[in-house]
Amino acid sequence: MKTFTLRDRECVLSYYEMKVSKILEYDPVPDEVIGPYRYLQVVMARGLFKNWKQSVFIGFDQKMMKDIILPIIAKLAEQNINVTSILSQDVLEIFFHNYDKKEECMMTHLC
């Protein structure tokens, strides 16, 4: 990241949620049992103009709310990374489902 230009630091946050097995796991470092969880949430930062991506949040059984997203954006801003937009899993599924039907997913630029 230190060699990235300002343009290279433009990014999009994408949010994914997936169902996971309801199992318990033992973490020996803090000596605790983890789980069971039903859903895993992941937020990825992806370069808009340069090909890069980084996981910036992993959580379990949480709804993605502004009290989770805003601190992520603030931490990225501390690294001079500018978040231009946020995409949810639903938006991505709709876009890629309609990708072959370009006339249905194209929008006219308003400017």
C-alpha atoms as a PDB file:
ATOM      1  CA  MET A   1       0.000   0.000   0.000  1.00  0.00           C
ATOM      2  CA  LYS A   2       2.892   2.383   0.645  1.00  0.00           C
ATOM      3  CA  THR A   3       3.643   2.529  -3.073  1.00  0.00           C
ATOM      4  CA  PHE A   4       0.011   3.049  -4.128  1.00  0.00           C
ATOM      5  CA  THR A   5      -0.969   6.358  -5.687  1.00  0.00           C
ATOM      6  CA  LEU A   6      -4.105   8.156  -4.492  1.00  0.00           C
ATOM      7  CA  ARG A   7      -5.956   6.697  -7.469  1.00  0.00           C
ATOM      8  CA  ASP A   8      -4.793   3.166  -6.524  1.00  0.00           C
ATOM      9  CA  ARG A   9      -6.258   3.691  -3.039  1.00  0.00           C
ATOM     10  CA  GLU A  10      -9.844   4.175  -4.263  1.00  0.00           C
ATOM     11  CA  CYS A  11     -11.882   1.161  -3.203  1.00  0.00           C
ATOM     12  CA  VAL A  12     -15.298  -0.438  -2.912  1.00  0.00           C
ATOM     13  CA  LEU A  13     -16.469  -2.332   0.163  1.00  0.00           C
ATOM     14  CA  SER A  14     -18.351  -5.541  -0.548  1.00  0.00           C
ATOM     15  CA  TYR A  15     -20.325  -7.416   2.091  1.00  0.00           C
ATOM     16  CA  TYR A  16     -20.980 -11.145   1.995  1.00  0.00           C
ATOM     17  CA  GLU A  17     -22.913 -13.451   4.295  1.00  0.00           C
ATOM     18  CA  MET A  18     -22.838 -17.238   4.211  1.00  0.00           C
ATOM     19  CA  LYS A  19     -24.428 -19.994   6.242  1.00  0.00           C
ATOM     20  CA  VAL A  20     -22.002 -22.048   8.321  1.00  0.00           C
ATOM     21  CA  SER A  21     -22.348 -25.343  10.201  1.00  0.00           C
ATOM     22  CA  LYS A  22     -23.552 -25.048  13.762  1.00  0.00           C
ATOM     23  CA  ILE A  23     -20.479 -26.541  15.404  1.00  0.00           C
ATOM     24  CA  LEU A  24     -18.435 -25.657  18.454  1.00  0.00           C
ATOM     25  CA  GLU A  25     -14.696 -25.082  18.140  1.00  0.00           C
ATOM     26  CA  TYR A  26     -12.034 -24.897  20.807  1.00  0.00           C
ATOM     27  CA  ASP A  27      -9.464 -22.077  20.623  1.00  0.00           C
ATOM     28  CA  PRO A  28      -6.491 -23.088  22.795  1.00  0.00           C
ATOM     29  CA  VAL A  29      -4.871 -19.621  22.916  1.00  0.00           C
ATOM     30  CA  PRO A  30      -7.591 -17.916  24.987  1.00  0.00           C
ATOM     31  CA  ASP A  31      -8.763 -21.341  26.262  1.00  0.00           C
ATOM     32  CA  GLU A  32     -12.363 -20.852  25.140  1.00  0.00           C
ATOM     33  CA  VAL A  33     -15.083 -22.573  23.179  1.00  0.00           C
ATOM     34  CA  ILE A  34     -16.271 -20.642  20.111  1.00  0.00           C
ATOM     35  CA  GLY A  35     -19.707 -20.943  18.583  1.00  0.00           C
ATOM     36  CA  PRO A  36     -22.054 -22.333  17.562  1.00  0.00           C
ATOM     37  CA  TYR A  37     -22.738 -19.794  14.817  1.00  0.00           C
ATOM     38  CA  ARG A  38     -25.276 -19.809  12.002  1.00  0.00           C
ATOM     39  CA  TYR A  39     -23.864 -17.145   9.655  1.00  0.00           C
ATOM     40  CA  LEU A  40     -20.462 -15.721   8.786  1.00  0.00           C
ATOM     41  CA  GLN A  41     -20.173 -12.121   7.588  1.00  0.00           C
ATOM     42  CA  VAL A  42     -17.170 -10.828   5.632  1.00  0.00           C
ATOM     43  CA  VAL A  43     -16.418  -7.304   4.408  1.00  0.00           C
ATOM     44  CA  MET A  44     -13.810  -6.975   1.655  1.00  0.00           C
ATOM     45  CA  ALA A  45     -12.118  -3.809   0.419  1.00  0.00           C
ATOM     46  CA  ARG A  46     -11.430  -4.068  -3.315  1.00  0.00           C
ATOM     47  CA  GLY A  47      -9.406  -1.689  -5.439  1.00  0.00           C
ATOM     48  CA  LEU A  48     -11.450   0.333  -7.887  1.00  0.00           C
ATOM     49  CA  PHE A  49      -8.617   1.174 -10.301  1.00  0.00           C
ATOM     50  CA  LYS A  50      -5.886  -1.229  -9.169  1.00  0.00           C
ATOM     51  CA  ASN A  51      -6.361  -4.976  -8.759  1.00  0.00           C
ATOM     52  CA  TRP A  52      -6.174  -5.590  -4.994  1.00  0.00           C
ATOM     53  CA  LYS A  53      -8.455  -6.869  -2.255  1.00  0.00           C
ATOM     54  CA  GLN A  54      -8.267  -7.268   1.510  1.00  0.00           C
ATOM     55  CA  SER A  55     -10.606  -8.679   4.145  1.00  0.00           C
ATOM     56  CA  VAL A  56     -11.347  -5.874   6.598  1.00  0.00           C
ATOM     57  CA  PHE A  57     -14.019  -7.495   8.793  1.00  0.00           C
ATOM     58  CA  ILE A  58     -15.053 -11.004   9.761  1.00  0.00           C
ATOM     59  CA  GLY A  59     -17.963 -11.561  12.131  1.00  0.00           C
ATOM     60  CA  PHE A  60     -20.580 -14.089  13.094  1.00  0.00           C
ATOM     61  CA  ASP A  61     -24.365 -13.799  13.428  1.00  0.00           C
ATOM     62  CA  GLN A  62     -24.432 -10.000  13.081  1.00  0.00           C
ATOM     63  CA  LYS A  63     -26.445  -7.735  10.848  1.00  0.00           C
ATOM     64  CA  MET A  64     -24.288  -5.333   8.873  1.00  0.00           C
ATOM     65  CA  MET A  65     -25.195  -1.987  10.405  1.00  0.00           C
ATOM     66  CA  LYS A  66     -23.639   1.451  10.299  1.00  0.00           C
ATOM     67  CA  ASP A  67     -21.963   0.896  13.700  1.00  0.00           C
ATOM     68  CA  ILE A  68     -19.878  -1.817  11.973  1.00  0.00           C
ATOM     69  CA  ILE A  69     -19.397  -0.172   8.556  1.00  0.00           C
ATOM     70  CA  LEU A  70     -18.510   3.372   9.704  1.00  0.00           C
ATOM     71  CA  PRO A  71     -15.518   2.323  11.860  1.00  0.00           C
ATOM     72  CA  ILE A  72     -14.234   0.200   8.946  1.00  0.00           C
ATOM     73  CA  ILE A  73     -14.427   3.240   6.651  1.00  0.00           C
ATOM     74  CA  ALA A  74     -12.694   5.388   9.307  1.00  0.00           C
ATOM     75  CA  LYS A  75      -9.840   2.865   9.715  1.00  0.00           C
ATOM     76  CA  LEU A  76      -9.362   2.706   5.949  1.00  0.00           C
ATOM     77  CA  ALA A  77      -9.358   6.524   5.779  1.00  0.00           C
ATOM     78  CA  GLU A  78      -6.539   6.560   8.362  1.00  0.00           C
ATOM     79  CA  GLN A  79      -4.518   4.624   5.772  1.00  0.00           C
ATOM     80  CA  ASN A  80      -5.515   7.121   3.037  1.00  0.00           C
ATOM     81  CA  ILE A  81      -7.832   4.573   1.437  1.00  0.00           C
ATOM     82  CA  ASN A  82     -11.010   6.151   0.085  1.00  0.00           C
ATOM     83  CA  VAL A  83     -14.206   4.069   0.116  1.00  0.00           C
ATOM     84  CA  THR A  84     -16.316   5.152  -2.860  1.00  0.00           C
ATOM     85  CA  SER A  85     -19.239   2.745  -2.431  1.00  0.00           C
ATOM     86  CA  ILE A  86     -20.581  -0.271  -0.573  1.00  0.00           C
ATOM     87  CA  LEU A  87     -22.061  -3.327  -2.279  1.00  0.00           C
ATOM     88  CA  SER A  88     -24.065  -5.983  -0.497  1.00  0.00           C
ATOM     89  CA  GLN A  89     -24.251  -9.619  -1.476  1.00  0.00           C
ATOM     90  CA  ASP A  90     -27.805  -9.075  -2.759  1.00  0.00           C
ATOM     91  CA  VAL A  91     -26.707  -6.300  -5.117  1.00  0.00           C
ATOM     92  CA  LEU A  92     -23.830  -8.422  -6.435  1.00  0.00           C
ATOM     93  CA  GLU A  93     -26.121 -11.412  -7.044  1.00  0.00           C
ATOM     94  CA  ILE A  94     -28.622  -9.242  -8.939  1.00  0.00           C
ATOM     95  CA  PHE A  95     -25.872  -7.685 -11.067  1.00  0.00           C
ATOM     96  CA  PHE A  96     -24.162 -10.961 -11.988  1.00  0.00           C
ATOM     97  CA  HIS A  97     -27.504 -12.690 -12.578  1.00  0.00           C
ATOM     98  CA  ASN A  98     -28.337  -9.992 -15.140  1.00  0.00           C
ATOM     99  CA  TYR A  99     -24.816  -9.660 -16.548  1.00  0.00           C
ATOM    100  CA  ASP A 100     -25.703 -11.515 -19.752  1.00  0.00           C
ATOM    101  CA  LYS A 101     -28.675  -9.194 -20.241  1.00  0.00           C
ATOM    102  CA  LYS A 102     -26.631  -6.009 -20.489  1.00  0.00           C
ATOM    103  CA  GLU A 103     -29.549  -3.844 -21.542  1.00  0.00           C
ATOM    104  CA  GLU A 104     -31.312  -4.715 -18.253  1.00  0.00           C
ATOM    105  CA  CYS A 105     -28.399  -3.814 -15.966  1.00  0.00           C
ATOM    106  CA  MET A 106     -27.063  -0.724 -17.758  1.00  0.00           C
ATOM    107  CA  MET A 107     -27.886   2.692 -16.387  1.00  0.00           C
ATOM    108  CA  THR A 108     -27.709   6.087 -18.016  1.00  0.00           C
ATOM    109  CA  HIS A 109     -25.187   8.432 -16.403  1.00  0.00           C
ATOM    110  CA  LEU A 110     -27.031  11.391 -14.926  1.00  0.00           C
ATOM    111  CA  CYS A 111     -24.304  14.006 -15.415  1.00  0.00           C
END
